[in-house]
PDB file of N, CA and C in Angstrom:
ATOM      1  N   MET A   1     -11.250  29.420  -5.289  1.00  0.00           N
ATOM      2  CA  MET A   1     -10.040  28.744  -5.716  1.00  0.00           C
ATOM      3  C   MET A   1      -8.996  29.792  -6.085  1.00  0.00           C
ATOM      4  N   VAL A   2      -7.779  29.536  -5.669  1.00  0.00           N
ATOM      5  CA  VAL A   2      -6.680  30.465  -5.940  1.00  0.00           C
ATOM      6  C   VAL A   2      -6.162  30.209  -7.352  1.00  0.00           C
ATOM      7  N   ARG A   3      -6.128  31.284  -8.187  1.00  0.00           N
ATOM      8  CA  ARG A   3      -5.805  31.101  -9.600  1.00  0.00           C
ATOM      9  C   ARG A   3      -4.450  31.669 -10.005  1.00  0.00           C
ATOM     10  N   ASN A   4      -4.017  32.763  -9.393  1.00  0.00           N
ATOM     11  CA  ASN A   4      -2.753  33.333  -9.832  1.00  0.00           C
ATOM     12  C   ASN A   4      -1.876  33.676  -8.630  1.00  0.00           C
ATOM     13  N   LYS A   5      -0.684  34.201  -8.925  1.00  0.00           N
ATOM     14  CA  LYS A   5       0.311  34.430  -7.880  1.00  0.00           C
ATOM     15  C   LYS A   5      -0.136  35.466  -6.860  1.00  0.00           C
ATOM     16  N   SER A   6      -0.804  36.526  -7.299  1.00  0.00           N
ATOM     17  CA  SER A   6      -1.221  37.563  -6.352  1.00  0.00           C
ATOM     18  C   SER A   6      -2.250  37.024  -5.361  1.00  0.00           C
ATOM     19  N   GLN A   7      -3.095  36.106  -5.789  1.00  0.00           N
ATOM     20  CA  GLN A   7      -4.061  35.517  -4.872  1.00  0.00           C
ATOM     21  C   GLN A   7      -3.365  34.602  -3.860  1.00  0.00           C
ATOM     22  N   TRP A   8      -2.312  33.902  -4.302  1.00  0.00           N
ATOM     23  CA  TRP A   8      -1.531  33.080  -3.375  1.00  0.00           C
ATOM     24  C   TRP A   8      -0.871  33.963  -2.328  1.00  0.00           C
ATOM     25  N   VAL A   9      -0.316  35.094  -2.756  1.00  0.00           N
ATOM     26  CA  VAL A   9       0.346  36.007  -1.822  1.00  0.00           C
ATOM     27  C   VAL A   9      -0.678  36.567  -0.833  1.00  0.00           C
ATOM     28  N   LEU A  10      -1.833  36.968  -1.324  1.00  0.00           N
ATOM     29  CA  LEU A  10      -2.885  37.484  -0.452  1.00  0.00           C
ATOM     30  C   LEU A  10      -3.322  36.428   0.560  1.00  0.00           C
ATOM     31  N   ALA A  11      -3.512  35.200   0.102  1.00  0.00           N
ATOM     32  CA  ALA A  11      -3.912  34.117   1.005  1.00  0.00           C
ATOM     33  C   ALA A  11      -2.834  33.869   2.056  1.00  0.00           C
ATOM     34  N   ALA A  12      -1.558  33.922   1.669  1.00  0.00           N
ATOM     35  CA  ALA A  12      -0.468  33.709   2.617  1.00  0.00           C
ATOM     36  C   ALA A  12      -0.405  34.832   3.650  1.00  0.00           C
ATOM     37  N   VAL A  13      -0.585  36.075   3.203  1.00  0.00           N
ATOM     38  CA  VAL A  13      -0.569  37.210   4.131  1.00  0.00           C
ATOM     39  C   VAL A  13      -1.737  37.123   5.110  1.00  0.00           C
ATOM     40  N   LEU A  14      -2.917  36.795   4.615  1.00  0.00           N
ATOM     41  CA  LEU A  14      -4.078  36.671   5.493  1.00  0.00           C
ATOM     42  C   LEU A  14      -3.910  35.519   6.487  1.00  0.00           C
ATOM     43  N   ALA A  15      -3.329  34.414   6.037  1.00  0.00           N
ATOM     44  CA  ALA A  15      -3.076  33.291   6.942  1.00  0.00           C
ATOM     45  C   ALA A  15      -2.060  33.690   8.011  1.00  0.00           C
ATOM     46  N   ALA A  16      -1.021  34.424   7.627  1.00  0.00           N
ATOM     47  CA  ALA A  16      -0.029  34.879   8.598  1.00  0.00           C
ATOM     48  C   ALA A  16      -0.658  35.833   9.614  1.00  0.00           C
ATOM     49  N   LEU A  17      -1.530  36.727   9.165  1.00  0.00           N
ATOM     50  CA  LEU A  17      -2.225  37.625  10.087  1.00  0.00           C
ATOM     51  C   LEU A  17      -3.130  36.857  11.048  1.00  0.00           C
ATOM     52  N   LEU A  18      -3.786  35.817  10.552  1.00  0.00           N
ATOM     53  CA  LEU A  18      -4.631  34.996  11.407  1.00  0.00           C
ATOM     54  C   LEU A  18      -3.806  34.298  12.478  1.00  0.00           C
ATOM     55  N   VAL A  19      -2.665  33.755  12.095  1.00  0.00           N
ATOM     56  CA  VAL A  19      -1.785  33.081  13.059  1.00  0.00           C
ATOM     57  C   VAL A  19      -1.267  34.085  14.087  1.00  0.00           C
ATOM     58  N   ALA A  20      -0.845  35.259  13.643  1.00  0.00           N
ATOM     59  CA  ALA A  20      -0.317  36.275  14.562  1.00  0.00           C
ATOM     60  C   ALA A  20      -1.399  36.747  15.531  1.00  0.00           C
ATOM     61  N   ALA A  21      -2.606  36.986  15.038  1.00  0.00           N
ATOM     62  CA  ALA A  21      -3.698  37.435  15.905  1.00  0.00           C
ATOM     63  C   ALA A  21      -4.083  36.348  16.907  1.00  0.00           C
ATOM     64  N   SER A  22      -4.098  35.101  16.456  1.00  0.00           N
ATOM     65  CA  SER A  22      -4.422  33.992  17.365  1.00  0.00           C
ATOM     66  C   SER A  22      -3.360  33.858  18.443  1.00  0.00           C
ATOM     67  N   TRP A  23      -2.090  33.966  18.067  1.00  0.00           N
ATOM     68  CA  TRP A  23      -1.001  33.881  19.043  1.00  0.00           C
ATOM     69  C   TRP A  23      -1.112  35.010  20.064  1.00  0.00           C
ATOM     70  N   PHE A  24      -1.376  36.226  19.602  1.00  0.00           N
ATOM     71  CA  PHE A  24      -1.504  37.376  20.508  1.00  0.00           C
ATOM     72  C   PHE A  24      -2.667  37.181  21.477  1.00  0.00           C
ATOM     73  N   CYS A  25      -3.821  36.763  20.963  1.00  0.00           N
ATOM     74  CA  CYS A  25      -4.989  36.556  21.822  1.00  0.00           C
ATOM     75  C   CYS A  25      -4.718  35.472  22.867  1.00  0.00           C
ATOM     76  N   LEU A  26      -4.077  34.400  22.465  1.00  0.00           N
ATOM     77  CA  LEU A  26      -3.770  33.313  23.391  1.00  0.00           C
ATOM     78  C   LEU A  26      -2.783  33.761  24.461  1.00  0.00           C
ATOM     79  N   SER A  27      -1.777  34.550  24.084  1.00  0.00           N
ATOM     80  CA  SER A  27      -0.803  35.017  25.072  1.00  0.00           C
ATOM     81  C   SER A  27      -1.437  35.986  26.068  1.00  0.00           C
ATOM     82  N   VAL A  28      -2.332  36.862  25.601  1.00  0.00           N
ATOM     83  CA  VAL A  28      -3.019  37.781  26.516  1.00  0.00           C
ATOM     84  C   VAL A  28      -3.968  37.012  27.419  1.00  0.00           C
ATOM     85  N   TRP A  29      -4.653  36.019  26.880  1.00  0.00           N
ATOM     86  CA  TRP A  29      -5.598  35.232  27.653  1.00  0.00           C
ATOM     87  C   TRP A  29      -4.892  34.489  28.788  1.00  0.00           C
ATOM     88  N   ARG A  30      -3.724  33.939  28.490  1.00  0.00           N
ATOM     89  CA  ARG A  30      -2.994  33.177  29.508  1.00  0.00           C
ATOM     90  C   ARG A  30      -2.351  34.077  30.560  1.00  0.00           C
ATOM     91  N   SER A  31      -2.076  35.330  30.240  1.00  0.00           N
ATOM     92  CA  SER A  31      -1.394  36.208  31.190  1.00  0.00           C
ATOM     93  C   SER A  31      -2.355  36.926  32.137  1.00  0.00           C
ATOM     94  N   THR A  32      -3.643  36.865  31.871  1.00  0.00           N
ATOM     95  CA  THR A  32      -4.609  37.542  32.742  1.00  0.00           C
ATOM     96  C   THR A  32      -5.113  36.575  33.812  1.00  0.00           C
ATOM     97  N   PRO A  33      -5.534  37.106  34.965  1.00  0.00           N
ATOM     98  CA  PRO A  33      -6.057  36.223  36.020  1.00  0.00           C
ATOM     99  C   PRO A  33      -7.417  35.633  35.622  1.00  0.00           C
ATOM    100  N   ALA A  34      -7.761  34.537  36.283  1.00  0.00           N
ATOM    101  CA  ALA A  34      -9.023  33.853  35.979  1.00  0.00           C
ATOM    102  C   ALA A  34     -10.205  34.713  36.404  1.00  0.00           C
ATOM    103  N   MET A  35     -11.310  34.588  35.702  1.00  0.00           N
ATOM    104  CA  MET A  35     -12.515  35.335  36.008  1.00  0.00           C
ATOM    105  C   MET A  35     -13.294  34.585  37.097  1.00  0.00           C
ATOM    106  N   PRO A  36     -13.945  35.302  38.016  1.00  0.00           N
ATOM    107  CA  PRO A  36     -14.741  34.612  39.044  1.00  0.00           C
ATOM    108  C   PRO A  36     -15.950  33.910  38.429  1.00  0.00           C
ATOM    109  N   THR A  37     -16.548  33.022  39.203  1.00  0.00           N
ATOM    110  CA  THR A  37     -17.656  32.200  38.706  1.00  0.00           C
ATOM    111  C   THR A  37     -18.828  33.053  38.247  1.00  0.00           C
ATOM    112  N   TYR A  38     -19.175  34.090  38.999  1.00  0.00           N
ATOM    113  CA  TYR A  38     -20.308  34.926  38.595  1.00  0.00           C
ATOM    114  C   TYR A  38     -20.035  35.631  37.267  1.00  0.00           C
ATOM    115  N   GLY A  39     -18.787  35.936  36.992  1.00  0.00           N
ATOM    116  CA  GLY A  39     -18.437  36.536  35.704  1.00  0.00           C
ATOM    117  C   GLY A  39     -18.664  35.569  34.560  1.00  0.00           C
ATOM    118  N   ASN A  40     -18.315  34.301  34.783  1.00  0.00           N
ATOM    119  CA  ASN A  40     -18.558  33.285  33.749  1.00  0.00           C
ATOM    120  C   ASN A  40     -20.051  33.081  33.513  1.00  0.00           C
ATOM    121  N   VAL A  41     -20.843  33.131  34.580  1.00  0.00           N
ATOM    122  CA  VAL A  41     -22.294  32.974  34.444  1.00  0.00           C
ATOM    123  C   VAL A  41     -22.876  34.141  33.660  1.00  0.00           C
ATOM    124  N   ILE A  42     -22.465  35.364  33.987  1.00  0.00           N
ATOM    125  CA  ILE A  42     -22.960  36.545  33.273  1.00  0.00           C
ATOM    126  C   ILE A  42     -22.553  36.493  31.809  1.00  0.00           C
ATOM    127  N   LEU A  43     -21.318  36.092  31.542  1.00  0.00           N
ATOM    128  CA  LEU A  43     -20.845  35.983  30.162  1.00  0.00           C
ATOM    129  C   LEU A  43     -21.640  34.938  29.384  1.00  0.00           C
ATOM    130  N   ALA A  44     -21.935  33.798  30.010  1.00  0.00           N
ATOM    131  CA  ALA A  44     -22.707  32.745  29.340  1.00  0.00           C
ATOM    132  C   ALA A  44     -24.135  33.217  29.047  1.00  0.00           C
ATOM    133  N   VAL A  45     -24.760  33.889  30.016  1.00  0.00           N
ATOM    134  CA  VAL A  45     -26.128  34.383  29.805  1.00  0.00           C
ATOM    135  C   VAL A  45     -26.149  35.426  28.686  1.00  0.00           C
ATOM    136  N   ALA A  46     -25.167  36.314  28.677  1.00  0.00           N
ATOM    137  CA  ALA A  46     -25.107  37.327  27.627  1.00  0.00           C
ATOM    138  C   ALA A  46     -24.902  36.684  26.257  1.00  0.00           C
ATOM    139  N   ALA A  47     -24.042  35.673  26.183  1.00  0.00           N
ATOM    140  CA  ALA A  47     -23.808  34.994  24.906  1.00  0.00           C
ATOM    141  C   ALA A  47     -25.081  34.310  24.411  1.00  0.00           C
ATOM    142  N   ILE A  48     -25.816  33.696  25.320  1.00  0.00           N
ATOM    143  CA  ILE A  48     -27.064  33.033  24.927  1.00  0.00           C
ATOM    144  C   ILE A  48     -28.091  34.058  24.452  1.00  0.00           C
ATOM    145  N   LEU A  49     -28.209  35.191  25.160  1.00  0.00           N
ATOM    146  CA  LEU A  49     -29.156  36.223  24.739  1.00  0.00           C
ATOM    147  C   LEU A  49     -28.801  36.799  23.373  1.00  0.00           C
ATOM    148  N   VAL A  50     -27.526  37.010  23.122  1.00  0.00           N
ATOM    149  CA  VAL A  50     -27.108  37.523  21.816  1.00  0.00           C
ATOM    150  C   VAL A  50     -27.412  36.498  20.730  1.00  0.00           C
ATOM    151  N   LEU A  51     -27.160  35.235  20.999  1.00  0.00           N
ATOM    152  CA  LEU A  51     -27.445  34.185  20.019  1.00  0.00           C
ATOM    153  C   LEU A  51     -28.939  34.086  19.730  1.00  0.00           C
ATOM    154  N   VAL A  52     -29.761  34.139  20.760  1.00  0.00           N
ATOM    155  CA  VAL A  52     -31.213  34.043  20.570  1.00  0.00           C
ATOM    156  C   VAL A  52     -31.740  35.249  19.802  1.00  0.00           C
ATOM    157  N   SER A  53     -31.278  36.444  20.175  1.00  0.00           N
ATOM    158  CA  SER A  53     -31.771  37.632  19.466  1.00  0.00           C
ATOM    159  C   SER A  53     -31.287  37.648  18.017  1.00  0.00           C
ATOM    160  N   GLY A  54     -30.073  37.208  17.756  1.00  0.00           N
ATOM    161  CA  GLY A  54     -29.579  37.139  16.381  1.00  0.00           C
ATOM    162  C   GLY A  54     -30.377  36.142  15.550  1.00  0.00           C
ATOM    163  N   CYS A  55     -30.649  34.970  16.127  1.00  0.00           N
ATOM    164  CA  CYS A  55     -31.457  33.972  15.405  1.00  0.00           C
ATOM    165  C   CYS A  55     -32.874  34.485  15.167  1.00  0.00           C
ATOM    166  N   GLY A  56     -33.426  35.200  16.139  1.00  0.00           N
ATOM    167  CA  GLY A  56     -34.765  35.766  15.968  1.00  0.00           C
ATOM    168  C   GLY A  56     -34.808  36.801  14.854  1.00  0.00           C
ATOM    169  N   LEU A  57     -33.786  37.660  14.792  1.00  0.00           N
ATOM    170  CA  LEU A  57     -33.756  38.661  13.729  1.00  0.00           C
ATOM    171  C   LEU A  57     -33.587  38.027  12.350  1.00  0.00           C
ATOM    172  N   ILE A  58     -32.765  37.004  12.255  1.00  0.00           N
ATOM    173  CA  ILE A  58     -32.605  36.299  10.976  1.00  0.00           C
ATOM    174  C   ILE A  58     -33.927  35.637  10.589  1.00  0.00           C
ATOM    175  N   ALA A  59     -34.617  35.025  11.569  1.00  0.00           N
ATOM    176  CA  ALA A  59     -35.911  34.398  11.284  1.00  0.00           C
ATOM    177  C   ALA A  59     -36.921  35.437  10.803  1.00  0.00           C
ATOM    178  N   LEU A  60     -36.952  36.614  11.436  1.00  0.00           N
ATOM    179  CA  LEU A  60     -37.852  37.673  10.979  1.00  0.00           C
ATOM    180  C   LEU A  60     -37.503  38.140   9.573  1.00  0.00           C
ATOM    181  N   MET A  61     -36.226  38.177   9.254  1.00  0.00           N
ATOM    182  CA  MET A  61     -35.819  38.593   7.919  1.00  0.00           C
ATOM    183  C   MET A  61     -36.321  37.596   6.869  1.00  0.00           C
ATOM    184  N   PHE A  62     -36.177  36.301   7.144  1.00  0.00           N
ATOM    185  CA  PHE A  62     -36.669  35.294   6.201  1.00  0.00           C
ATOM    186  C   PHE A  62     -38.188  35.309   6.112  1.00  0.00           C
ATOM    187  N   TYR A  63     -38.868  35.489   7.248  1.00  0.00           N
ATOM    188  CA  TYR A  63     -40.327  35.553   7.252  1.00  0.00           C
ATOM    189  C   TYR A  63     -40.808  36.751   6.430  1.00  0.00           C
ATOM    190  N   SER A  64     -40.173  37.893   6.622  1.00  0.00           N
ATOM    191  CA  SER A  64     -40.553  39.104   5.903  1.00  0.00           C
ATOM    192  C   SER A  64     -40.354  38.931   4.400  1.00  0.00           C
ATOM    193  N   GLN A  65     -39.255  38.323   4.022  1.00  0.00           N
ATOM    194  CA  GLN A  65     -38.977  38.137   2.590  1.00  0.00           C
ATOM    195  C   GLN A  65     -39.953  37.143   1.977  1.00  0.00           C
ATOM    196  N   ARG A  66     -40.276  36.087   2.709  1.00  0.00           N
ATOM    197  CA  ARG A  66     -41.163  35.056   2.172  1.00  0.00           C
ATOM    198  C   ARG A  66     -42.610  35.537   2.051  1.00  0.00           C
ATOM    199  N   LYS A  67     -43.036  36.415   2.949  1.00  0.00           N
ATOM    200  CA  LYS A  67     -44.405  36.938   2.906  1.00  0.00           C
ATOM    201  C   LYS A  67     -44.559  38.098   1.933  1.00  0.00           C
ATOM    202  N   GLY A  68     -43.468  38.575   1.360  1.00  0.00           N
ATOM    203  CA  GLY A  68     -43.566  39.628   0.369  1.00  0.00           C
ATOM    204  C   GLY A  68     -43.488  41.034   0.930  1.00  0.00           C
ATOM    205  N   TYR A  69     -43.142  41.176   2.196  1.00  0.00           N
ATOM    206  CA  TYR A  69     -43.058  42.507   2.791  1.00  0.00           C
ATOM    207  C   TYR A  69     -41.866  43.300   2.257  1.00  0.00           C
ATOM    208  N   ASP A  70     -40.909  42.641   1.649  1.00  0.00           N
ATOM    209  CA  ASP A  70     -39.727  43.320   1.122  1.00  0.00           C
ATOM    210  C   ASP A  70     -39.860  43.669  -0.357  1.00  0.00           C
ATOM    211  N   ASP A  71     -41.001  43.361  -0.967  1.00  0.00           N
ATOM    212  CA  ASP A  71     -41.199  43.691  -2.375  1.00  0.00           C
ATOM    213  C   ASP A  71     -41.328  45.202  -2.538  1.00  0.00           C
ATOM    214  N   PRO A  72     -40.952  45.721  -3.700  1.00  0.00           N
ATOM    215  CA  PRO A  72     -41.119  47.162  -3.918  1.00  0.00           C
ATOM    216  C   PRO A  72     -42.601  47.539  -3.920  1.00  0.00           C
ATOM    217  N   ALA A  73     -42.872  48.749  -3.515  1.00  0.00           N
ATOM    218  CA  ALA A  73     -44.257  49.233  -3.447  1.00  0.00           C
ATOM    219  C   ALA A  73     -44.800  49.389  -4.872  1.00  0.00           C
ATOM    220  N   ARG A  74     -46.088  49.068  -5.049  1.00  0.00           N
ATOM    221  CA  ARG A  74     -46.728  49.232  -6.352  1.00  0.00           C
ATOM    222  C   ARG A  74     -48.166  49.687  -6.115  1.00  0.00           C
ATOM    223  N   SER A  75     -48.703  50.304  -7.120  1.00  0.00           N
ATOM    224  CA  SER A  75     -50.052  50.852  -6.996  1.00  0.00           C
ATOM    225  C   SER A  75     -50.837  50.543  -8.258  1.00  0.00           C
ATOM    226  N   ASP A  76     -52.151  50.323  -8.073  1.00  0.00           N
ATOM    227  CA  ASP A  76     -53.027  50.064  -9.203  1.00  0.00           C
ATOM    228  C   ASP A  76     -53.702  51.344  -9.697  1.00  0.00           C
ATOM    229  N   ARG A  77     -53.461  52.470  -9.021  1.00  0.00           N
ATOM    230  CA  ARG A  77     -54.093  53.722  -9.414  1.00  0.00           C
ATOM    231  C   ARG A  77     -53.440  54.269 -10.675  1.00  0.00           C
ATOM    232  N   THR A  78     -54.232  54.961 -11.444  1.00  0.00           N
ATOM    233  CA  THR A  78     -53.699  55.597 -12.647  1.00  0.00           C
ATOM    234  C   THR A  78     -53.082  56.940 -12.286  1.00  0.00           C
ATOM    235  N   ALA A  79     -52.167  57.394 -13.101  1.00  0.00           N
ATOM    236  CA  ALA A  79     -51.479  58.671 -12.842  1.00  0.00           C
ATOM    237  C   ALA A  79     -52.431  59.817 -13.072  1.00  0.00           C
ATOM    238  N   ARG A  80     -52.277  60.904 -12.316  1.00  0.00           N
ATOM    239  CA  ARG A  80     -53.106  62.102 -12.493  1.00  0.00           C
ATOM    240  C   ARG A  80     -52.576  62.911 -13.661  1.00  0.00           C
ATOM    241  N   ASP A  81     -53.496  63.597 -14.326  1.00  0.00           N
ATOM    242  CA  ASP A  81     -53.084  64.458 -15.457  1.00  0.00           C
ATOM    243  C   ASP A  81     -52.685  65.826 -14.982  1.00  0.00           C
TER     244      ASP A  81
END
């Protein structure tokens, strides 16, 4: 939640940057020629592979945390004199 004037200014600047970046991306996208069909297929396959690998890594992270593999190391041995 925005509480004071500086946060309002920051939110307005960030919103303006988002609008400017979106406008720039859209103008560049419309000015370039269309991609061939095989390019769209390769792009779709790459996007799916990235999504699957990202979901797999997140799943491994949750599995590791739940099984206790991320706990700090501890030992039951006594210290040497």
